Amino acid sequence: MRTLLLVIVLALGAGVAEADNGFFYLGAGVTSNKLNDIVVHGTAFPDIDKTSWKVFAGFRPITAFAIEADYLDLGSETLEGACTVCCMEACRGVFQSDAQAFAAYALGFLPIPLPFLDIYAKAGLARSKLNTNGTSSRGTELAWGVGVQAHISMVGARLEYEDLKIPNSSGAKIASLSVFVNFR
Protein backbone atom coordinates (compact mmCIF):
# COMPACT_ATOMS: atom_id res chain seq x y z
CA MET A 1 0.00 0.00 0.00
CA ARG A 2 2.82 2.42 0.86
CA THR A 3 4.56 1.63 -2.42
CA LEU A 4 1.38 2.39 -4.40
CA LEU A 5 0.93 5.67 -2.53
CA LEU A 6 4.58 6.61 -3.16
CA VAL A 7 4.24 5.84 -6.90
CA ILE A 8 1.06 7.98 -7.14
CA VAL A 9 2.68 10.92 -5.30
CA LEU A 10 5.80 10.75 -7.50
CA ALA A 11 3.72 10.56 -10.67
CA LEU A 12 1.58 13.54 -9.70
CA GLY A 13 4.62 15.50 -8.53
CA ALA A 14 6.46 14.85 -11.79
CA GLY A 15 3.40 15.99 -13.76
CA VAL A 16 3.18 19.24 -11.79
CA ALA A 17 6.92 19.87 -12.09
CA GLU A 18 6.79 19.30 -15.85
CA ALA A 19 3.83 21.66 -16.25
CA ASP A 20 5.64 24.51 -14.46
CA ASN A 21 9.22 23.91 -15.51
CA GLY A 22 10.79 26.54 -17.73
CA PHE A 23 8.25 29.36 -17.62
CA PHE A 24 10.13 32.44 -18.71
CA TYR A 25 8.08 35.57 -19.11
CA LEU A 26 8.55 39.05 -20.54
CA GLY A 27 6.28 42.02 -19.99
CA ALA A 28 5.78 45.76 -20.25
CA GLY A 29 3.40 48.16 -18.67
CA VAL A 30 2.19 51.64 -17.92
CA THR A 31 2.96 53.05 -14.47
CA SER A 32 1.63 55.83 -12.27
CA ASN A 33 4.57 57.03 -10.16
CA LYS A 34 4.76 59.26 -7.11
CA LEU A 35 8.17 60.30 -5.78
CA ASN A 36 7.89 62.97 -3.07
CA ASP A 37 10.02 65.08 -0.73
CA ILE A 38 13.11 65.25 -2.96
CA VAL A 39 15.77 67.25 -1.08
CA VAL A 40 19.44 67.24 -2.12
CA HIS A 41 22.09 69.31 -0.29
CA GLY A 42 19.38 71.37 1.45
CA THR A 43 17.55 72.25 -1.78
CA ALA A 44 14.03 70.99 -2.47
CA PHE A 45 13.38 69.72 -5.96
CA PRO A 46 10.02 69.13 -7.66
CA ASP A 47 8.13 65.97 -6.76
CA ILE A 48 7.63 63.47 -9.57
CA ASP A 49 3.99 62.53 -10.14
CA LYS A 50 3.92 61.06 -13.64
CA THR A 51 2.63 58.33 -15.87
CA SER A 52 5.56 56.40 -17.28
CA TRP A 53 6.56 52.83 -18.21
CA LYS A 54 8.28 49.65 -17.04
CA VAL A 55 9.61 46.41 -18.51
CA PHE A 56 10.21 43.14 -16.70
CA ALA A 57 11.43 39.60 -17.22
CA GLY A 58 11.16 36.60 -14.98
CA PHE A 59 11.53 32.90 -14.46
CA ARG A 60 8.85 30.85 -12.68
CA PRO A 61 10.28 27.35 -12.11
CA ILE A 62 7.39 26.21 -9.87
CA THR A 63 3.81 27.36 -9.32
CA ALA A 64 4.48 29.07 -5.98
CA PHE A 65 7.73 30.94 -6.76
CA ALA A 66 9.34 33.22 -9.37
CA ILE A 67 12.39 35.43 -9.79
CA GLU A 68 11.92 38.72 -11.61
CA ALA A 69 13.93 41.74 -12.79
CA ASP A 70 12.24 45.09 -13.50
CA TYR A 71 13.37 48.35 -15.07
CA LEU A 72 11.20 51.34 -14.14
CA ASP A 73 11.35 54.80 -15.65
CA LEU A 74 9.91 56.91 -12.83
CA GLY A 75 9.59 60.07 -14.93
CA SER A 76 10.84 63.61 -14.60
CA GLU A 77 9.57 66.99 -13.47
CA THR A 78 10.77 70.56 -14.03
CA LEU A 79 9.85 73.63 -11.97
CA GLU A 80 10.98 77.23 -12.41
CA GLY A 81 11.15 79.55 -9.43
CA ALA A 82 12.56 79.73 -5.94
CA CYS A 83 13.54 76.68 -3.94
CA THR A 84 11.49 75.90 -0.85
CA VAL A 85 14.32 74.72 1.43
CA CYS A 86 17.79 76.28 1.46
CA CYS A 87 20.61 76.16 3.95
CA MET A 88 22.43 79.46 3.49
CA GLU A 89 21.14 81.71 0.73
CA ALA A 90 18.09 82.19 -1.46
CA CYS A 91 18.17 80.34 -4.74
CA ARG A 92 16.26 80.81 -7.98
CA GLY A 93 16.28 78.99 -11.26
CA VAL A 94 15.08 75.85 -12.98
CA PHE A 95 14.82 72.78 -10.77
CA GLN A 96 14.68 69.34 -12.38
CA SER A 97 14.07 65.87 -10.95
CA ASP A 98 14.45 62.64 -12.92
CA ALA A 99 14.47 59.06 -11.60
CA GLN A 100 14.91 55.45 -12.76
CA ALA A 101 15.19 52.14 -10.93
CA PHE A 102 16.26 48.58 -11.61
CA ALA A 103 14.80 46.01 -9.20
CA ALA A 104 15.32 42.29 -8.60
CA TYR A 105 12.56 40.41 -6.77
CA ALA A 106 11.59 37.02 -5.42
CA LEU A 107 7.84 36.44 -5.91
CA GLY A 108 5.60 34.19 -3.85
CA PHE A 109 2.20 33.15 -5.23
CA LEU A 110 -0.83 32.23 -3.12
CA PRO A 111 -2.18 28.73 -3.82
CA ILE A 112 -5.69 29.61 -5.00
CA PRO A 113 -7.88 27.12 -6.90
CA LEU A 114 -8.30 29.31 -10.02
CA PRO A 115 -5.70 28.23 -12.63
CA PHE A 116 -5.96 31.46 -14.65
CA LEU A 117 -5.52 33.85 -11.69
CA ASP A 118 -2.49 34.53 -9.49
CA ILE A 119 -2.21 36.68 -6.37
CA TYR A 120 1.37 37.41 -5.38
CA ALA A 121 3.72 39.39 -3.17
CA LYS A 122 7.29 40.28 -4.03
CA ALA A 123 10.33 41.45 -2.13
CA GLY A 124 13.84 42.32 -3.22
CA LEU A 125 16.33 45.10 -3.85
CA ALA A 126 16.06 48.18 -6.05
CA ARG A 127 19.02 50.10 -7.46
CA SER A 128 17.81 53.65 -8.06
CA LYS A 129 19.21 56.75 -9.72
CA LEU A 130 17.82 60.20 -8.91
CA ASN A 131 19.07 63.09 -11.03
CA THR A 132 18.59 66.66 -9.77
CA ASN A 133 20.05 69.55 -11.80
CA GLY A 134 23.08 67.56 -12.93
CA THR A 135 23.66 65.83 -9.60
CA SER A 136 23.06 62.08 -9.37
CA SER A 137 22.12 60.18 -6.23
CA ARG A 138 22.31 56.41 -6.36
CA GLY A 139 21.24 53.85 -3.82
CA THR A 140 20.37 50.22 -3.31
CA GLU A 141 17.45 49.71 -0.94
CA LEU A 142 14.72 47.23 -0.09
CA ALA A 143 11.71 47.08 -2.41
CA TRP A 144 8.41 45.25 -2.15
CA GLY A 145 5.14 44.88 -4.00
CA VAL A 146 1.83 43.07 -4.29
CA GLY A 147 -0.28 42.22 -7.30
CA VAL A 148 -2.79 40.13 -9.13
CA GLN A 149 -2.46 38.68 -12.62
CA ALA A 150 -4.73 36.79 -14.99
CA HIS A 151 -3.53 34.70 -17.90
CA ILE A 152 -4.96 32.65 -20.72
CA SER A 153 -2.52 30.30 -22.41
CA MET A 154 0.69 32.29 -23.02
CA VAL A 155 -0.69 35.84 -22.61
CA GLY A 156 -1.58 37.63 -19.40
CA ALA A 157 -2.18 40.95 -17.68
CA ARG A 158 -1.24 42.15 -14.22
CA LEU A 159 -2.13 44.95 -11.85
CA GLU A 160 0.41 45.68 -9.14
CA TYR A 161 1.67 48.12 -6.52
CA GLU A 162 5.37 48.58 -5.72
CA ASP A 163 7.15 50.58 -3.02
CA LEU A 164 10.80 51.52 -3.56
CA LYS A 165 13.04 53.34 -1.11
CA ILE A 166 15.02 56.03 -2.95
CA PRO A 167 17.73 58.15 -1.25
CA ASN A 168 17.05 61.89 -0.82
CA SER A 169 13.27 61.34 -1.04
CA SER A 170 10.37 59.76 0.80
CA GLY A 171 10.46 56.89 -1.73
CA ALA A 172 8.56 55.91 -4.86
CA LYS A 173 5.00 54.58 -4.84
CA ILE A 174 4.19 52.86 -8.14
CA ALA A 175 0.94 51.41 -9.49
CA SER A 176 1.16 49.62 -12.83
CA LEU A 177 -0.95 47.83 -15.41
CA SER A 178 1.11 45.44 -17.56
CA VAL A 179 0.82 42.71 -20.16
CA PHE A 180 3.16 39.72 -20.36
CA VAL A 181 3.92 36.67 -22.46
CA ASN A 182 5.02 33.26 -21.10
CA PHE A 183 7.65 31.18 -22.89
CA ARG A 184 8.61 27.57 -22.25
C-alpha atoms as a PDB file:
ATOM      1  CA  MET A   1       0.000   0.000   0.000  1.00  0.00           C
ATOM      2  CA  ARG A   2       2.825   2.422   0.856  1.00  0.00           C
ATOM      3  CA  THR A   3       4.555   1.627  -2.419  1.00  0.00           C
ATOM      4  CA  LEU A   4       1.383   2.385  -4.396  1.00  0.00           C
ATOM      5  CA  LEU A   5       0.931   5.672  -2.526  1.00  0.00           C
ATOM      6  CA  LEU A   6       4.576   6.607  -3.165  1.00  0.00           C
ATOM      7  CA  VAL A   7       4.240   5.844  -6.896  1.00  0.00           C
ATOM      8  CA  ILE A   8       1.057   7.984  -7.139  1.00  0.00           C
ATOM      9  CA  VAL A   9       2.680  10.917  -5.295  1.00  0.00           C
ATOM     10  CA  LEU A  10       5.800  10.751  -7.498  1.00  0.00           C
ATOM     11  CA  ALA A  11       3.722  10.556 -10.675  1.00  0.00           C
ATOM     12  CA  LEU A  12       1.581  13.536  -9.701  1.00  0.00           C
ATOM     13  CA  GLY A  13       4.619  15.496  -8.528  1.00  0.00           C
ATOM     14  CA  ALA A  14       6.456  14.850 -11.794  1.00  0.00           C
ATOM     15  CA  GLY A  15       3.404  15.990 -13.765  1.00  0.00           C
ATOM     16  CA  VAL A  16       3.183  19.236 -11.788  1.00  0.00           C
ATOM     17  CA  ALA A  17       6.921  19.867 -12.094  1.00  0.00           C
ATOM     18  CA  GLU A  18       6.790  19.303 -15.852  1.00  0.00           C
ATOM     19  CA  ALA A  19       3.827  21.659 -16.250  1.00  0.00           C
ATOM     20  CA  ASP A  20       5.636  24.507 -14.462  1.00  0.00           C
ATOM     21  CA  ASN A  21       9.224  23.907 -15.511  1.00  0.00           C
ATOM     22  CA  GLY A  22      10.787  26.544 -17.732  1.00  0.00           C
ATOM     23  CA  PHE A  23       8.249  29.356 -17.616  1.00  0.00           C
ATOM     24  CA  PHE A  24      10.130  32.437 -18.714  1.00  0.00           C
ATOM     25  CA  TYR A  25       8.083  35.572 -19.113  1.00  0.00           C
ATOM     26  CA  LEU A  26       8.546  39.050 -20.544  1.00  0.00           C
ATOM     27  CA  GLY A  27       6.282  42.015 -19.990  1.00  0.00           C
ATOM     28  CA  ALA A  28       5.785  45.756 -20.250  1.00  0.00           C
ATOM     29  CA  GLY A  29       3.398  48.161 -18.672  1.00  0.00           C
ATOM     30  CA  VAL A  30       2.185  51.644 -17.921  1.00  0.00           C
ATOM     31  CA  THR A  31       2.958  53.045 -14.474  1.00  0.00           C
ATOM     32  CA  SER A  32       1.633  55.825 -12.274  1.00  0.00           C
ATOM     33  CA  ASN A  33       4.573  57.035 -10.163  1.00  0.00           C
ATOM     34  CA  LYS A  34       4.762  59.261  -7.110  1.00  0.00           C
ATOM     35  CA  LEU A  35       8.175  60.302  -5.781  1.00  0.00           C
ATOM     36  CA  ASN A  36       7.891  62.974  -3.072  1.00  0.00           C
ATOM     37  CA  ASP A  37      10.021  65.084  -0.726  1.00  0.00           C
ATOM     38  CA  ILE A  38      13.105  65.254  -2.957  1.00  0.00           C
ATOM     39  CA  VAL A  39      15.774  67.247  -1.082  1.00  0.00           C
ATOM     40  CA  VAL A  40      19.443  67.239  -2.119  1.00  0.00           C
ATOM     41  CA  HIS A  41      22.085  69.308  -0.287  1.00  0.00           C
ATOM     42  CA  GLY A  42      19.379  71.374   1.447  1.00  0.00           C
ATOM     43  CA  THR A  43      17.548  72.255  -1.776  1.00  0.00           C
ATOM     44  CA  ALA A  44      14.028  70.990  -2.467  1.00  0.00           C
ATOM     45  CA  PHE A  45      13.384  69.720  -5.960  1.00  0.00           C
ATOM     46  CA  PRO A  46      10.025  69.130  -7.660  1.00  0.00           C
ATOM     47  CA  ASP A  47       8.135  65.969  -6.761  1.00  0.00           C
ATOM     48  CA  ILE A  48       7.625  63.470  -9.570  1.00  0.00           C
ATOM     49  CA  ASP A  49       3.989  62.525 -10.139  1.00  0.00           C
ATOM     50  CA  LYS A  50       3.919  61.060 -13.635  1.00  0.00           C
ATOM     51  CA  THR A  51       2.630  58.328 -15.871  1.00  0.00           C
ATOM     52  CA  SER A  52       5.556  56.400 -17.280  1.00  0.00           C
ATOM     53  CA  TRP A  53       6.564  52.835 -18.208  1.00  0.00           C
ATOM     54  CA  LYS A  54       8.275  49.648 -17.038  1.00  0.00           C
ATOM     55  CA  VAL A  55       9.610  46.414 -18.511  1.00  0.00           C
ATOM     56  CA  PHE A  56      10.206  43.141 -16.702  1.00  0.00           C
ATOM     57  CA  ALA A  57      11.435  39.603 -17.222  1.00  0.00           C
ATOM     58  CA  GLY A  58      11.156  36.601 -14.980  1.00  0.00           C
ATOM     59  CA  PHE A  59      11.532  32.896 -14.459  1.00  0.00           C
ATOM     60  CA  ARG A  60       8.851  30.845 -12.678  1.00  0.00           C
ATOM     61  CA  PRO A  61      10.284  27.352 -12.105  1.00  0.00           C
ATOM     62  CA  ILE A  62       7.392  26.213  -9.870  1.00  0.00           C
ATOM     63  CA  THR A  63       3.806  27.356  -9.321  1.00  0.00           C
ATOM     64  CA  ALA A  64       4.483  29.074  -5.978  1.00  0.00           C
ATOM     65  CA  PHE A  65       7.729  30.940  -6.759  1.00  0.00           C
ATOM     66  CA  ALA A  66       9.336  33.219  -9.374  1.00  0.00           C
ATOM     67  CA  ILE A  67      12.388  35.429  -9.786  1.00  0.00           C
ATOM     68  CA  GLU A  68      11.922  38.719 -11.610  1.00  0.00           C
ATOM     69  CA  ALA A  69      13.933  41.739 -12.792  1.00  0.00           C
ATOM     70  CA  ASP A  70      12.235  45.093 -13.497  1.00  0.00           C
ATOM     71  CA  TYR A  71      13.370  48.354 -15.071  1.00  0.00           C
ATOM     72  CA  LEU A  72      11.202  51.341 -14.142  1.00  0.00           C
ATOM     73  CA  ASP A  73      11.349  54.805 -15.650  1.00  0.00           C
ATOM     74  CA  LEU A  74       9.914  56.911 -12.826  1.00  0.00           C
ATOM     75  CA  GLY A  75       9.592  60.067 -14.928  1.00  0.00           C
ATOM     76  CA  SER A  76      10.845  63.609 -14.604  1.00  0.00           C
ATOM     77  CA  GLU A  77       9.567  66.991 -13.467  1.00  0.00           C
ATOM     78  CA  THR A  78      10.775  70.559 -14.026  1.00  0.00           C
ATOM     79  CA  LEU A  79       9.852  73.629 -11.972  1.00  0.00           C
ATOM     80  CA  GLU A  80      10.980  77.225 -12.413  1.00  0.00           C
ATOM     81  CA  GLY A  81      11.152  79.552  -9.428  1.00  0.00           C
ATOM     82  CA  ALA A  82      12.556  79.730  -5.938  1.00  0.00           C
ATOM     83  CA  CYS A  83      13.535  76.684  -3.944  1.00  0.00           C
ATOM     84  CA  THR A  84      11.494  75.903  -0.853  1.00  0.00           C
ATOM     85  CA  VAL A  85      14.318  74.719   1.434  1.00  0.00           C
ATOM     86  CA  CYS A  86      17.786  76.283   1.458  1.00  0.00           C
ATOM     87  CA  CYS A  87      20.613  76.159   3.947  1.00  0.00           C
ATOM     88  CA  MET A  88      22.425  79.463   3.490  1.00  0.00           C
ATOM     89  CA  GLU A  89      21.136  81.708   0.732  1.00  0.00           C
ATOM     90  CA  ALA A  90      18.089  82.192  -1.455  1.00  0.00           C
ATOM     91  CA  CYS A  91      18.174  80.339  -4.736  1.00  0.00           C
ATOM     92  CA  ARG A  92      16.257  80.813  -7.980  1.00  0.00           C
ATOM     93  CA  GLY A  93      16.281  78.989 -11.262  1.00  0.00           C
ATOM     94  CA  VAL A  94      15.081  75.852 -12.980  1.00  0.00           C
ATOM     95  CA  PHE A  95      14.823  72.776 -10.771  1.00  0.00           C
ATOM     96  CA  GLN A  96      14.680  69.340 -12.384  1.00  0.00           C
ATOM     97  CA  SER A  97      14.068  65.869 -10.948  1.00  0.00           C
ATOM     98  CA  ASP A  98      14.448  62.640 -12.921  1.00  0.00           C
ATOM     99  CA  ALA A  99      14.473  59.062 -11.598  1.00  0.00           C
ATOM    100  CA  GLN A 100      14.914  55.449 -12.756  1.00  0.00           C
ATOM    101  CA  ALA A 101      15.194  52.144 -10.927  1.00  0.00           C
ATOM    102  CA  PHE A 102      16.259  48.576 -11.608  1.00  0.00           C
ATOM    103  CA  ALA A 103      14.797  46.011  -9.199  1.00  0.00           C
ATOM    104  CA  ALA A 104      15.319  42.293  -8.600  1.00  0.00           C
ATOM    105  CA  TYR A 105      12.559  40.408  -6.768  1.00  0.00           C
ATOM    106  CA  ALA A 106      11.590  37.022  -5.418  1.00  0.00           C
ATOM    107  CA  LEU A 107       7.835  36.440  -5.912  1.00  0.00           C
ATOM    108  CA  GLY A 108       5.598  34.192  -3.854  1.00  0.00           C
ATOM    109  CA  PHE A 109       2.200  33.151  -5.234  1.00  0.00           C
ATOM    110  CA  LEU A 110      -0.827  32.231  -3.116  1.00  0.00           C
ATOM    111  CA  PRO A 111      -2.177  28.734  -3.824  1.00  0.00           C
ATOM    112  CA  ILE A 112      -5.690  29.608  -4.997  1.00  0.00           C
ATOM    113  CA  PRO A 113      -7.884  27.123  -6.904  1.00  0.00           C
ATOM    114  CA  LEU A 114      -8.296  29.309 -10.024  1.00  0.00           C
ATOM    115  CA  PRO A 115      -5.696  28.228 -12.633  1.00  0.00           C
ATOM    116  CA  PHE A 116      -5.962  31.457 -14.651  1.00  0.00           C
ATOM    117  CA  LEU A 117      -5.525  33.847 -11.688  1.00  0.00           C
ATOM    118  CA  ASP A 118      -2.491  34.533  -9.494  1.00  0.00           C
ATOM    119  CA  ILE A 119      -2.209  36.680  -6.368  1.00  0.00           C
ATOM    120  CA  TYR A 120       1.367  37.414  -5.377  1.00  0.00           C
ATOM    121  CA  ALA A 121       3.722  39.385  -3.175  1.00  0.00           C
ATOM    122  CA  LYS A 122       7.294  40.275  -4.034  1.00  0.00           C
ATOM    123  CA  ALA A 123      10.334  41.451  -2.126  1.00  0.00           C
ATOM    124  CA  GLY A 124      13.842  42.321  -3.221  1.00  0.00           C
ATOM    125  CA  LEU A 125      16.330  45.101  -3.846  1.00  0.00           C
ATOM    126  CA  ALA A 126      16.064  48.179  -6.053  1.00  0.00           C
ATOM    127  CA  ARG A 127      19.018  50.103  -7.465  1.00  0.00           C
ATOM    128  CA  SER A 128      17.806  53.654  -8.057  1.00  0.00           C
ATOM    129  CA  LYS A 129      19.212  56.746  -9.720  1.00  0.00           C
ATOM    130  CA  LEU A 130      17.823  60.198  -8.907  1.00  0.00           C
ATOM    131  CA  ASN A 131      19.069  63.093 -11.027  1.00  0.00           C
ATOM    132  CA  THR A 132      18.592  66.664  -9.774  1.00  0.00           C
ATOM    133  CA  ASN A 133      20.054  69.550 -11.798  1.00  0.00           C
ATOM    134  CA  GLY A 134      23.076  67.563 -12.934  1.00  0.00           C
ATOM    135  CA  THR A 135      23.658  65.826  -9.599  1.00  0.00           C
ATOM    136  CA  SER A 136      23.056  62.080  -9.368  1.00  0.00           C
ATOM    137  CA  SER A 137      22.118  60.184  -6.226  1.00  0.00           C
ATOM    138  CA  ARG A 138      22.308  56.407  -6.356  1.00  0.00           C
ATOM    139  CA  GLY A 139      21.238  53.853  -3.824  1.00  0.00           C
ATOM    140  CA  THR A 140      20.366  50.216  -3.309  1.00  0.00           C
ATOM    141  CA  GLU A 141      17.452  49.710  -0.940  1.00  0.00           C
ATOM    142  CA  LEU A 142      14.724  47.227  -0.091  1.00  0.00           C
ATOM    143  CA  ALA A 143      11.714  47.085  -2.412  1.00  0.00           C
ATOM    144  CA  TRP A 144       8.408  45.248  -2.153  1.00  0.00           C
ATOM    145  CA  GLY A 145       5.145  44.882  -4.003  1.00  0.00           C
ATOM    146  CA  VAL A 146       1.826  43.069  -4.286  1.00  0.00           C
ATOM    147  CA  GLY A 147      -0.279  42.223  -7.300  1.00  0.00           C
ATOM    148  CA  VAL A 148      -2.794  40.126  -9.130  1.00  0.00           C
ATOM    149  CA  GLN A 149      -2.457  38.678 -12.619  1.00  0.00           C
ATOM    150  CA  ALA A 150      -4.734  36.790 -14.988  1.00  0.00           C
ATOM    151  CA  HIS A 151      -3.529  34.700 -17.904  1.00  0.00           C
ATOM    152  CA  ILE A 152      -4.956  32.646 -20.718  1.00  0.00           C
ATOM    153  CA  SER A 153      -2.522  30.302 -22.407  1.00  0.00           C
ATOM    154  CA  MET A 154       0.689  32.294 -23.021  1.00  0.00           C
ATOM    155  CA  VAL A 155      -0.690  35.842 -22.605  1.00  0.00           C
ATOM    156  CA  GLY A 156      -1.577  37.634 -19.398  1.00  0.00           C
ATOM    157  CA  ALA A 157      -2.183  40.953 -17.683  1.00  0.00           C
ATOM    158  CA  ARG A 158      -1.242  42.146 -14.218  1.00  0.00           C
ATOM    159  CA  LEU A 159      -2.131  44.954 -11.852  1.00  0.00           C
ATOM    160  CA  GLU A 160       0.413  45.685  -9.141  1.00  0.00           C
ATOM    161  CA  TYR A 161       1.667  48.120  -6.522  1.00  0.00           C
ATOM    162  CA  GLU A 162       5.375  48.581  -5.723  1.00  0.00           C
ATOM    163  CA  ASP A 163       7.151  50.578  -3.016  1.00  0.00           C
ATOM    164  CA  LEU A 164      10.800  51.520  -3.563  1.00  0.00           C
ATOM    165  CA  LYS A 165      13.039  53.345  -1.110  1.00  0.00           C
ATOM    166  CA  ILE A 166      15.023  56.033  -2.945  1.00  0.00           C
ATOM    167  CA  PRO A 167      17.734  58.149  -1.248  1.00  0.00           C
ATOM    168  CA  ASN A 168      17.046  61.893  -0.817  1.00  0.00           C
ATOM    169  CA  SER A 169      13.266  61.343  -1.037  1.00  0.00           C
ATOM    170  CA  SER A 170      10.368  59.757   0.796  1.00  0.00           C
ATOM    171  CA  GLY A 171      10.464  56.894  -1.732  1.00  0.00           C
ATOM    172  CA  ALA A 172       8.562  55.906  -4.861  1.00  0.00           C
ATOM    173  CA  LYS A 173       5.000  54.583  -4.839  1.00  0.00           C
ATOM    174  CA  ILE A 174       4.194  52.860  -8.144  1.00  0.00           C
ATOM    175  CA  ALA A 175       0.944  51.415  -9.485  1.00  0.00           C
ATOM    176  CA  SER A 176       1.156  49.618 -12.829  1.00  0.00           C
ATOM    177  CA  LEU A 177      -0.948  47.827 -15.412  1.00  0.00           C
ATOM    178  CA  SER A 178       1.108  45.438 -17.557  1.00  0.00           C
ATOM    179  CA  VAL A 179       0.825  42.715 -20.164  1.00  0.00           C
ATOM    180  CA  PHE A 180       3.158  39.724 -20.357  1.00  0.00           C
ATOM    181  CA  VAL A 181       3.921  36.668 -22.462  1.00  0.00           C
ATOM    182  CA  ASN A 182       5.018  33.262 -21.099  1.00  0.00           C
ATOM    183  CA  PHE A 183       7.653  31.180 -22.894  1.00  0.00           C
ATOM    184  CA  ARG A 184       8.611  27.566 -22.251  1.00  0.00           C
END
